[in-house]
Amino acid sequence: MEKKIILTVNTPYATITMNHPATMNAVTNEFAVQFLQALDEIEASPEIRAVILTGSGKNFCSGADLAFIQNEDLSDIHENVAFMERLQQMVLRMEALKLPIIAAVDGYCVGGGFSLALAADYMIATRNAKFSMIFTKVGLVPDLGSFYFLPKIVGRAKAKQLIYTAEVIDAEEAYRIGIIGKLVESENLIETAISDAQLIASRAPKAVELAKRTLNDSSAIDLESLLFKEALLQASLFLTDDFKEAIQAFVEKRSLSL
């Protein structure tokens, strides 16, 4: 089987590289299967504390492989739903993963590729990066969670504009509206992502895990419920070895030993 996804582990972080530059790392069934296998390996490795998601070649990801889809039999709506549900597992697993995922974006990040980047915890992108909710241009609606993630980041009105028009926006605009967390030069992309991954890995892992989980849940519950959940989480963390070591390390002005 062709390697559409390459997993590289450099403890304490791992890198998932989408690896089919000839199609701008387009998404297929095979791609999704290998992507989920990579997440399985990451979840089975307690030494990994953060994940980088990036693309090989000059682009991040062009979304679904339209040439592949064009040659498929799409006459059965039930089969079409099953196909989409298989792809959606990537986003569900990214959201559920206890480790932060940093999307390192260069070149084109469009369609389902844009959706995958939005499903990461945040993006670092180069000044060459270009983004588009290209779906309406090819007769489709956004998928892989874009209806969920995009409005949370840019607001409903801006999300509607980007989705309805399918316009391409550059990195400067994406940074201005909050899609990108850090904007860097191309030669510094992976170095910056690695630096962030190592920094995250140096923090108390249980606290990072619970912070991600709570942030992901925060928009679905009211403030009072969120404060109650926050109190429970904080109270439980007070009892952990992570917290005790973190406090001791802070007092002694040294790195965590976790």
C-alpha atoms as a PDB file:
ATOM      1  CA  MET A   1       0.000   0.000   0.000  1.00  0.00           C
ATOM      2  CA  GLU A   2       1.342   3.417  -0.985  1.00  0.00           C
ATOM      3  CA  LYS A   3       2.308   5.548   2.006  1.00  0.00           C
ATOM      4  CA  LYS A   4      -0.105   8.484   1.843  1.00  0.00           C
ATOM      5  CA  ILE A   5       0.614   9.233   5.502  1.00  0.00           C
ATOM      6  CA  ILE A   6       4.039   9.113   7.150  1.00  0.00           C
ATOM      7  CA  LEU A   7       4.319   9.045  10.937  1.00  0.00           C
ATOM      8  CA  THR A   8       7.631  10.161  12.412  1.00  0.00           C
ATOM      9  CA  VAL A   9       8.196   9.943  16.156  1.00  0.00           C
ATOM     10  CA  ASN A  10      10.826  12.169  17.729  1.00  0.00           C
ATOM     11  CA  THR A  11       9.947  11.837  21.382  1.00  0.00           C
ATOM     12  CA  PRO A  12       8.370  13.831  22.970  1.00  0.00           C
ATOM     13  CA  TYR A  13       6.488  14.799  19.787  1.00  0.00           C
ATOM     14  CA  ALA A  14       5.291  13.050  16.643  1.00  0.00           C
ATOM     15  CA  THR A  15       4.810  14.361  13.108  1.00  0.00           C
ATOM     16  CA  ILE A  16       2.055  13.219  10.748  1.00  0.00           C
ATOM     17  CA  THR A  17       3.017  14.087   7.179  1.00  0.00           C
ATOM     18  CA  MET A  18       0.431  13.924   4.411  1.00  0.00           C
ATOM     19  CA  ASN A  19       2.524  12.440   1.642  1.00  0.00           C
ATOM     20  CA  HIS A  20       1.225  12.665  -1.906  1.00  0.00           C
ATOM     21  CA  PRO A  21       2.596  15.937  -3.312  1.00  0.00           C
ATOM     22  CA  ALA A  22       1.545  15.062  -6.883  1.00  0.00           C
ATOM     23  CA  THR A  23      -2.086  15.633  -5.806  1.00  0.00           C
ATOM     24  CA  MET A  24      -1.244  18.302  -3.202  1.00  0.00           C
ATOM     25  CA  ASN A  25      -1.687  15.578  -0.555  1.00  0.00           C
ATOM     26  CA  ALA A  26      -5.320  15.002  -1.530  1.00  0.00           C
ATOM     27  CA  VAL A  27      -7.656  12.983   0.694  1.00  0.00           C
ATOM     28  CA  THR A  28      -8.791   9.494  -0.352  1.00  0.00           C
ATOM     29  CA  ASN A  29     -10.095   6.398   1.439  1.00  0.00           C
ATOM     30  CA  GLU A  30      -6.533   5.078   1.617  1.00  0.00           C
ATOM     31  CA  PHE A  31      -5.358   8.406   3.057  1.00  0.00           C
ATOM     32  CA  ALA A  32      -8.031   8.242   5.774  1.00  0.00           C
ATOM     33  CA  VAL A  33      -7.171   4.661   6.726  1.00  0.00           C
ATOM     34  CA  GLN A  34      -3.482   5.496   7.123  1.00  0.00           C
ATOM     35  CA  PHE A  35      -4.265   8.725   8.975  1.00  0.00           C
ATOM     36  CA  LEU A  36      -6.307   6.802  11.546  1.00  0.00           C
ATOM     37  CA  GLN A  37      -3.555   4.186  11.855  1.00  0.00           C
ATOM     38  CA  ALA A  38      -1.080   6.970  12.643  1.00  0.00           C
ATOM     39  CA  LEU A  39      -3.388   8.261  15.386  1.00  0.00           C
ATOM     40  CA  ASP A  40      -3.643   4.708  16.764  1.00  0.00           C
ATOM     41  CA  GLU A  41       0.157   4.535  17.048  1.00  0.00           C
ATOM     42  CA  ILE A  42       0.309   7.945  18.701  1.00  0.00           C
ATOM     43  CA  GLU A  43      -2.342   7.010  21.257  1.00  0.00           C
ATOM     44  CA  ALA A  44      -0.406   3.839  22.079  1.00  0.00           C
ATOM     45  CA  SER A  45       2.800   5.781  22.804  1.00  0.00           C
ATOM     46  CA  PRO A  46       2.772   7.432  26.253  1.00  0.00           C
ATOM     47  CA  GLU A  47       6.074   9.186  25.500  1.00  0.00           C
ATOM     48  CA  ILE A  48       4.437  11.395  22.853  1.00  0.00           C
ATOM     49  CA  ARG A  49       3.153  14.686  24.281  1.00  0.00           C
ATOM     50  CA  ALA A  50       2.288  16.712  21.151  1.00  0.00           C
ATOM     51  CA  VAL A  51       1.596  16.178  17.447  1.00  0.00           C
ATOM     52  CA  ILE A  52       2.523  18.154  14.326  1.00  0.00           C
ATOM     53  CA  LEU A  53       0.356  17.753  11.203  1.00  0.00           C
ATOM     54  CA  THR A  54       1.914  18.904   7.938  1.00  0.00           C
ATOM     55  CA  GLY A  55       2.081  18.212   4.208  1.00  0.00           C
ATOM     56  CA  SER A  56       4.943  17.087   1.991  1.00  0.00           C
ATOM     57  CA  GLY A  57       6.051  19.156  -0.963  1.00  0.00           C
ATOM     58  CA  LYS A  58       4.963  22.760  -1.325  1.00  0.00           C
ATOM     59  CA  ASN A  59       1.381  22.404  -0.069  1.00  0.00           C
ATOM     60  CA  PHE A  60      -0.538  21.349   3.008  1.00  0.00           C
ATOM     61  CA  CYS A  61      -3.592  19.592   1.544  1.00  0.00           C
ATOM     62  CA  SER A  62      -5.968  20.173  -1.380  1.00  0.00           C
ATOM     63  CA  GLY A  63      -8.890  18.332   0.181  1.00  0.00           C
ATOM     64  CA  ALA A  64     -10.679  15.444  -1.480  1.00  0.00           C
ATOM     65  CA  ASP A  65      -9.095  13.929  -4.572  1.00  0.00           C
ATOM     66  CA  LEU A  66     -11.754  14.999  -7.090  1.00  0.00           C
ATOM     67  CA  ALA A  67     -10.285  12.794  -9.825  1.00  0.00           C
ATOM     68  CA  PHE A  68     -10.657   9.823  -7.484  1.00  0.00           C
ATOM     69  CA  ILE A  69     -14.237  10.796  -6.597  1.00  0.00           C
ATOM     70  CA  GLN A  70     -15.170  11.356 -10.249  1.00  0.00           C
ATOM     71  CA  ASN A  71     -14.304   7.734 -11.021  1.00  0.00           C
ATOM     72  CA  GLU A  72     -16.352   6.368  -8.124  1.00  0.00           C
ATOM     73  CA  ASP A  73     -19.923   5.114  -8.406  1.00  0.00           C
ATOM     74  CA  LEU A  74     -21.863   7.780  -6.485  1.00  0.00           C
ATOM     75  CA  SER A  75     -25.357   6.568  -7.398  1.00  0.00           C
ATOM     76  CA  ASP A  76     -26.175   5.113  -3.951  1.00  0.00           C
ATOM     77  CA  ILE A  77     -26.796   7.795  -1.317  1.00  0.00           C
ATOM     78  CA  HIS A  78     -26.266   5.296   1.506  1.00  0.00           C
ATOM     79  CA  GLU A  79     -22.829   4.401   0.158  1.00  0.00           C
ATOM     80  CA  ASN A  80     -22.065   8.099  -0.206  1.00  0.00           C
ATOM     81  CA  VAL A  81     -22.973   8.699   3.452  1.00  0.00           C
ATOM     82  CA  ALA A  82     -20.807   5.739   4.500  1.00  0.00           C
ATOM     83  CA  PHE A  83     -17.900   7.193   2.489  1.00  0.00           C
ATOM     84  CA  MET A  84     -18.241  10.551   4.221  1.00  0.00           C
ATOM     85  CA  GLU A  85     -18.517   8.932   7.645  1.00  0.00           C
ATOM     86  CA  ARG A  86     -15.244   7.090   7.058  1.00  0.00           C
ATOM     87  CA  LEU A  87     -13.504  10.381   6.287  1.00  0.00           C
ATOM     88  CA  GLN A  88     -15.171  12.115   9.242  1.00  0.00           C
ATOM     89  CA  GLN A  89     -13.511   9.675  11.613  1.00  0.00           C
ATOM     90  CA  MET A  90     -10.263  11.585  11.083  1.00  0.00           C
ATOM     91  CA  VAL A  91     -11.751  14.768  12.534  1.00  0.00           C
ATOM     92  CA  LEU A  92     -13.520  12.979  15.379  1.00  0.00           C
ATOM     93  CA  ARG A  93     -10.285  11.279  16.376  1.00  0.00           C
ATOM     94  CA  MET A  94      -8.315  14.529  16.173  1.00  0.00           C
ATOM     95  CA  GLU A  95     -10.816  16.221  18.463  1.00  0.00           C
ATOM     96  CA  ALA A  96     -10.793  13.284  20.899  1.00  0.00           C
ATOM     97  CA  LEU A  97      -6.997  12.896  20.949  1.00  0.00           C
ATOM     98  CA  LYS A  98      -5.727  13.925  24.386  1.00  0.00           C
ATOM     99  CA  LEU A  99      -2.635  15.511  22.849  1.00  0.00           C
ATOM    100  CA  PRO A 100      -2.533  18.955  21.217  1.00  0.00           C
ATOM    101  CA  ILE A 101      -2.210  18.924  17.431  1.00  0.00           C
ATOM    102  CA  ILE A 102      -0.359  21.749  15.678  1.00  0.00           C
ATOM    103  CA  ALA A 103      -1.104  22.166  11.967  1.00  0.00           C
ATOM    104  CA  ALA A 104       2.028  23.393  10.155  1.00  0.00           C
ATOM    105  CA  VAL A 105       0.734  24.879   6.898  1.00  0.00           C
ATOM    106  CA  ASP A 106       2.580  25.886   3.741  1.00  0.00           C
ATOM    107  CA  GLY A 107       1.111  26.486   0.297  1.00  0.00           C
ATOM    108  CA  TYR A 108      -2.482  25.574  -0.485  1.00  0.00           C
ATOM    109  CA  CYS A 109      -4.763  24.521   2.359  1.00  0.00           C
ATOM    110  CA  VAL A 110      -8.187  24.193   0.777  1.00  0.00           C
ATOM    111  CA  GLY A 111     -11.419  22.239   0.994  1.00  0.00           C
ATOM    112  CA  GLY A 112     -11.142  19.212   3.244  1.00  0.00           C
ATOM    113  CA  GLY A 113      -7.490  20.086   3.800  1.00  0.00           C
ATOM    114  CA  PHE A 114      -8.576  23.386   5.312  1.00  0.00           C
ATOM    115  CA  SER A 115     -11.061  21.421   7.436  1.00  0.00           C
ATOM    116  CA  LEU A 116      -8.305  19.151   8.753  1.00  0.00           C
ATOM    117  CA  ALA A 117      -6.180  22.180   9.642  1.00  0.00           C
ATOM    118  CA  LEU A 118      -9.130  23.760  11.461  1.00  0.00           C
ATOM    119  CA  ALA A 119      -9.628  20.521  13.398  1.00  0.00           C
ATOM    120  CA  ALA A 120      -6.097  20.834  14.773  1.00  0.00           C
ATOM    121  CA  ASP A 121      -5.708  22.751  18.030  1.00  0.00           C
ATOM    122  CA  TYR A 122      -4.066  25.658  16.232  1.00  0.00           C
ATOM    123  CA  MET A 123      -2.154  26.527  13.078  1.00  0.00           C
ATOM    124  CA  ILE A 124       1.298  27.809  12.321  1.00  0.00           C
ATOM    125  CA  ALA A 125       1.535  28.919   8.698  1.00  0.00           C
ATOM    126  CA  THR A 126       3.988  30.464   6.277  1.00  0.00           C
ATOM    127  CA  ARG A 127       3.463  33.675   4.339  1.00  0.00           C
ATOM    128  CA  ASN A 128       3.024  31.472   1.252  1.00  0.00           C
ATOM    129  CA  ALA A 129      -0.031  29.733   2.707  1.00  0.00           C
ATOM    130  CA  LYS A 130      -3.382  30.135   0.940  1.00  0.00           C
ATOM    131  CA  PHE A 131      -6.760  29.075   2.292  1.00  0.00           C
ATOM    132  CA  SER A 132     -10.130  28.418   0.686  1.00  0.00           C
ATOM    133  CA  MET A 133     -13.465  26.850   1.521  1.00  0.00           C
ATOM    134  CA  ILE A 134     -13.494  25.810  -2.119  1.00  0.00           C
ATOM    135  CA  PHE A 135     -16.558  23.558  -1.830  1.00  0.00           C
ATOM    136  CA  THR A 136     -19.254  25.678  -3.543  1.00  0.00           C
ATOM    137  CA  LYS A 137     -16.929  26.111  -6.519  1.00  0.00           C
ATOM    138  CA  VAL A 138     -17.140  22.345  -7.119  1.00  0.00           C
ATOM    139  CA  GLY A 139     -20.829  21.952  -6.254  1.00  0.00           C
ATOM    140  CA  LEU A 140     -20.419  20.822  -2.654  1.00  0.00           C
ATOM    141  CA  VAL A 141     -20.801  22.117   0.897  1.00  0.00           C
ATOM    142  CA  PRO A 142     -18.019  22.181   3.506  1.00  0.00           C
ATOM    143  CA  ASP A 143     -17.263  18.878   5.191  1.00  0.00           C
ATOM    144  CA  LEU A 144     -14.941  17.316   7.784  1.00  0.00           C
ATOM    145  CA  GLY A 145     -16.214  19.653  10.477  1.00  0.00           C
ATOM    146  CA  SER A 146     -15.793  23.062   8.837  1.00  0.00           C
ATOM    147  CA  PHE A 147     -19.369  24.078   9.683  1.00  0.00           C
ATOM    148  CA  TYR A 148     -18.401  23.413  13.309  1.00  0.00           C
ATOM    149  CA  PHE A 149     -14.867  24.802  13.510  1.00  0.00           C
ATOM    150  CA  LEU A 150     -14.797  27.776  11.137  1.00  0.00           C
ATOM    151  CA  PRO A 151     -17.552  29.918  12.763  1.00  0.00           C
ATOM    152  CA  LYS A 152     -15.979  29.352  16.180  1.00  0.00           C
ATOM    153  CA  ILE A 153     -12.752  30.908  14.924  1.00  0.00           C
ATOM    154  CA  VAL A 154     -13.882  33.711  12.588  1.00  0.00           C
ATOM    155  CA  GLY A 155     -17.523  34.255  13.588  1.00  0.00           C
ATOM    156  CA  ARG A 156     -20.695  33.347  11.693  1.00  0.00           C
ATOM    157  CA  ALA A 157     -20.709  36.248   9.232  1.00  0.00           C
ATOM    158  CA  LYS A 158     -17.104  35.788   8.116  1.00  0.00           C
ATOM    159  CA  ALA A 159     -17.573  32.004   7.931  1.00  0.00           C
ATOM    160  CA  LYS A 160     -20.596  32.527   5.667  1.00  0.00           C
ATOM    161  CA  GLN A 161     -18.612  34.843   3.420  1.00  0.00           C
ATOM    162  CA  LEU A 162     -15.718  32.375   3.102  1.00  0.00           C
ATOM    163  CA  ILE A 163     -18.066  29.435   2.489  1.00  0.00           C
ATOM    164  CA  TYR A 164     -20.485  31.105   0.042  1.00  0.00           C
ATOM    165  CA  THR A 165     -17.806  32.780  -2.091  1.00  0.00           C
ATOM    166  CA  ALA A 166     -15.145  30.030  -1.966  1.00  0.00           C
ATOM    167  CA  GLU A 167     -12.624  32.863  -2.239  1.00  0.00           C
ATOM    168  CA  VAL A 168      -8.929  32.219  -1.681  1.00  0.00           C
ATOM    169  CA  ILE A 169      -7.418  34.232   1.156  1.00  0.00           C
ATOM    170  CA  ASP A 170      -3.731  34.721   1.770  1.00  0.00           C
ATOM    171  CA  ALA A 171      -1.801  34.093   4.966  1.00  0.00           C
ATOM    172  CA  GLU A 172      -1.902  37.728   6.089  1.00  0.00           C
ATOM    173  CA  GLU A 173      -5.714  37.787   5.940  1.00  0.00           C
ATOM    174  CA  ALA A 174      -5.961  34.368   7.601  1.00  0.00           C
ATOM    175  CA  TYR A 175      -3.746  35.627  10.407  1.00  0.00           C
ATOM    176  CA  ARG A 176      -5.774  38.840  10.754  1.00  0.00           C
ATOM    177  CA  ILE A 177      -9.067  36.966  11.232  1.00  0.00           C
ATOM    178  CA  GLY A 178      -7.620  34.448  13.672  1.00  0.00           C
ATOM    179  CA  ILE A 179      -7.297  31.310  11.542  1.00  0.00           C
ATOM    180  CA  ILE A 180      -3.520  31.247  11.977  1.00  0.00           C
ATOM    181  CA  GLY A 181      -1.930  31.375  15.416  1.00  0.00           C
ATOM    182  CA  LYS A 182       1.610  32.101  14.220  1.00  0.00           C
ATOM    183  CA  LEU A 183       2.816  33.448  10.881  1.00  0.00           C
ATOM    184  CA  VAL A 184       6.396  32.526   9.917  1.00  0.00           C
ATOM    185  CA  GLU A 185       8.749  32.400   6.966  1.00  0.00           C
ATOM    186  CA  SER A 186       8.726  29.153   4.959  1.00  0.00           C
ATOM    187  CA  GLU A 187      12.167  28.096   6.114  1.00  0.00           C
ATOM    188  CA  ASN A 188      11.101  28.438   9.753  1.00  0.00           C
ATOM    189  CA  LEU A 189       7.798  26.511   9.592  1.00  0.00           C
ATOM    190  CA  ILE A 190       8.805  23.094  10.867  1.00  0.00           C
ATOM    191  CA  GLU A 191      11.387  24.513  13.259  1.00  0.00           C
ATOM    192  CA  THR A 192       8.687  26.710  14.836  1.00  0.00           C
ATOM    193  CA  ALA A 193       6.199  23.843  15.018  1.00  0.00           C
ATOM    194  CA  ILE A 194       8.807  21.621  16.677  1.00  0.00           C
ATOM    195  CA  SER A 195       9.665  24.370  19.157  1.00  0.00           C
ATOM    196  CA  ASP A 196       5.986  24.717  20.094  1.00  0.00           C
ATOM    197  CA  ALA A 197       5.553  20.939  20.332  1.00  0.00           C
ATOM    198  CA  GLN A 198       8.562  20.667  22.634  1.00  0.00           C
ATOM    199  CA  LEU A 199       7.288  23.542  24.750  1.00  0.00           C
ATOM    200  CA  ILE A 200       3.880  21.871  25.123  1.00  0.00           C
ATOM    201  CA  ALA A 201       5.625  18.590  25.927  1.00  0.00           C
ATOM    202  CA  SER A 202       7.473  20.320  28.778  1.00  0.00           C
ATOM    203  CA  ARG A 203       4.189  21.188  30.515  1.00  0.00           C
ATOM    204  CA  ALA A 204       2.284  18.931  32.909  1.00  0.00           C
ATOM    205  CA  PRO A 205       0.669  16.355  30.574  1.00  0.00           C
ATOM    206  CA  LYS A 206      -2.529  15.761  32.538  1.00  0.00           C
ATOM    207  CA  ALA A 207      -3.168  19.494  32.763  1.00  0.00           C
ATOM    208  CA  VAL A 208      -2.643  19.905  29.008  1.00  0.00           C
ATOM    209  CA  GLU A 209      -4.962  16.970  28.287  1.00  0.00           C
ATOM    210  CA  LEU A 210      -7.742  18.332  30.497  1.00  0.00           C
ATOM    211  CA  ALA A 211      -7.266  21.856  29.145  1.00  0.00           C
ATOM    212  CA  LYS A 212      -7.782  20.581  25.590  1.00  0.00           C
ATOM    213  CA  ARG A 213     -10.835  18.558  26.569  1.00  0.00           C
ATOM    214  CA  THR A 214     -12.415  21.473  28.426  1.00  0.00           C
ATOM    215  CA  LEU A 215     -11.686  23.998  25.680  1.00  0.00           C
ATOM    216  CA  ASN A 216     -13.277  21.659  23.152  1.00  0.00           C
ATOM    217  CA  ASP A 217     -16.373  21.341  25.357  1.00  0.00           C
ATOM    218  CA  SER A 218     -16.586  24.981  26.395  1.00  0.00           C
ATOM    219  CA  SER A 219     -18.832  26.309  23.636  1.00  0.00           C
ATOM    220  CA  ALA A 220     -21.405  23.569  24.155  1.00  0.00           C
ATOM    221  CA  ILE A 221     -22.182  24.359  27.813  1.00  0.00           C
ATOM    222  CA  ASP A 222     -23.213  27.449  29.767  1.00  0.00           C
ATOM    223  CA  LEU A 223     -20.867  29.408  32.032  1.00  0.00           C
ATOM    224  CA  GLU A 224     -22.233  27.990  35.287  1.00  0.00           C
ATOM    225  CA  SER A 225     -21.792  24.407  34.074  1.00  0.00           C
ATOM    226  CA  LEU A 226     -18.337  25.220  32.762  1.00  0.00           C
ATOM    227  CA  LEU A 227     -17.292  26.726  36.092  1.00  0.00           C
ATOM    228  CA  PHE A 228     -18.542  23.618  37.906  1.00  0.00           C
ATOM    229  CA  LYS A 229     -16.548  21.394  35.534  1.00  0.00           C
ATOM    230  CA  GLU A 230     -13.517  23.641  35.955  1.00  0.00           C
ATOM    231  CA  ALA A 231     -13.724  23.344  39.757  1.00  0.00           C
ATOM    232  CA  LEU A 232     -13.883  19.533  39.559  1.00  0.00           C
ATOM    233  CA  LEU A 233     -10.932  19.359  37.187  1.00  0.00           C
ATOM    234  CA  GLN A 234      -8.817  21.722  39.252  1.00  0.00           C
ATOM    235  CA  ALA A 235      -9.668  19.897  42.483  1.00  0.00           C
ATOM    236  CA  SER A 236      -8.680  16.564  40.934  1.00  0.00           C
ATOM    237  CA  LEU A 237      -5.414  17.975  39.549  1.00  0.00           C
ATOM    238  CA  PHE A 238      -4.447  19.189  43.035  1.00  0.00           C
ATOM    239  CA  LEU A 239      -4.157  15.495  43.944  1.00  0.00           C
ATOM    240  CA  THR A 240      -1.893  14.445  41.086  1.00  0.00           C
ATOM    241  CA  ASP A 241       1.843  13.815  41.047  1.00  0.00           C
ATOM    242  CA  ASP A 242       1.988  16.089  37.970  1.00  0.00           C
ATOM    243  CA  PHE A 243       0.826  19.054  40.059  1.00  0.00           C
ATOM    244  CA  LYS A 244       3.140  18.279  42.966  1.00  0.00           C
ATOM    245  CA  GLU A 245       6.145  17.977  40.648  1.00  0.00           C
ATOM    246  CA  ALA A 246       5.174  21.132  38.730  1.00  0.00           C
ATOM    247  CA  ILE A 247       4.951  23.179  41.916  1.00  0.00           C
ATOM    248  CA  GLN A 248       8.281  21.827  43.161  1.00  0.00           C
ATOM    249  CA  ALA A 249       9.931  22.531  39.797  1.00  0.00           C
ATOM    250  CA  PHE A 250       8.542  26.078  39.791  1.00  0.00           C
ATOM    251  CA  VAL A 251       9.867  26.780  43.291  1.00  0.00           C
ATOM    252  CA  GLU A 252      13.239  25.274  42.422  1.00  0.00           C
ATOM    253  CA  LYS A 253      13.355  27.109  39.062  1.00  0.00           C
ATOM    254  CA  ARG A 254      13.975  23.949  37.025  1.00  0.00           C
ATOM    255  CA  SER A 255      12.289  22.004  34.228  1.00  0.00           C
ATOM    256  CA  LEU A 256       9.535  19.509  34.918  1.00  0.00           C
ATOM    257  CA  SER A 257      10.569  15.903  35.438  1.00  0.00           C
ATOM    258  CA  LEU A 258       7.500  14.088  34.132  1.00  0.00           C
END
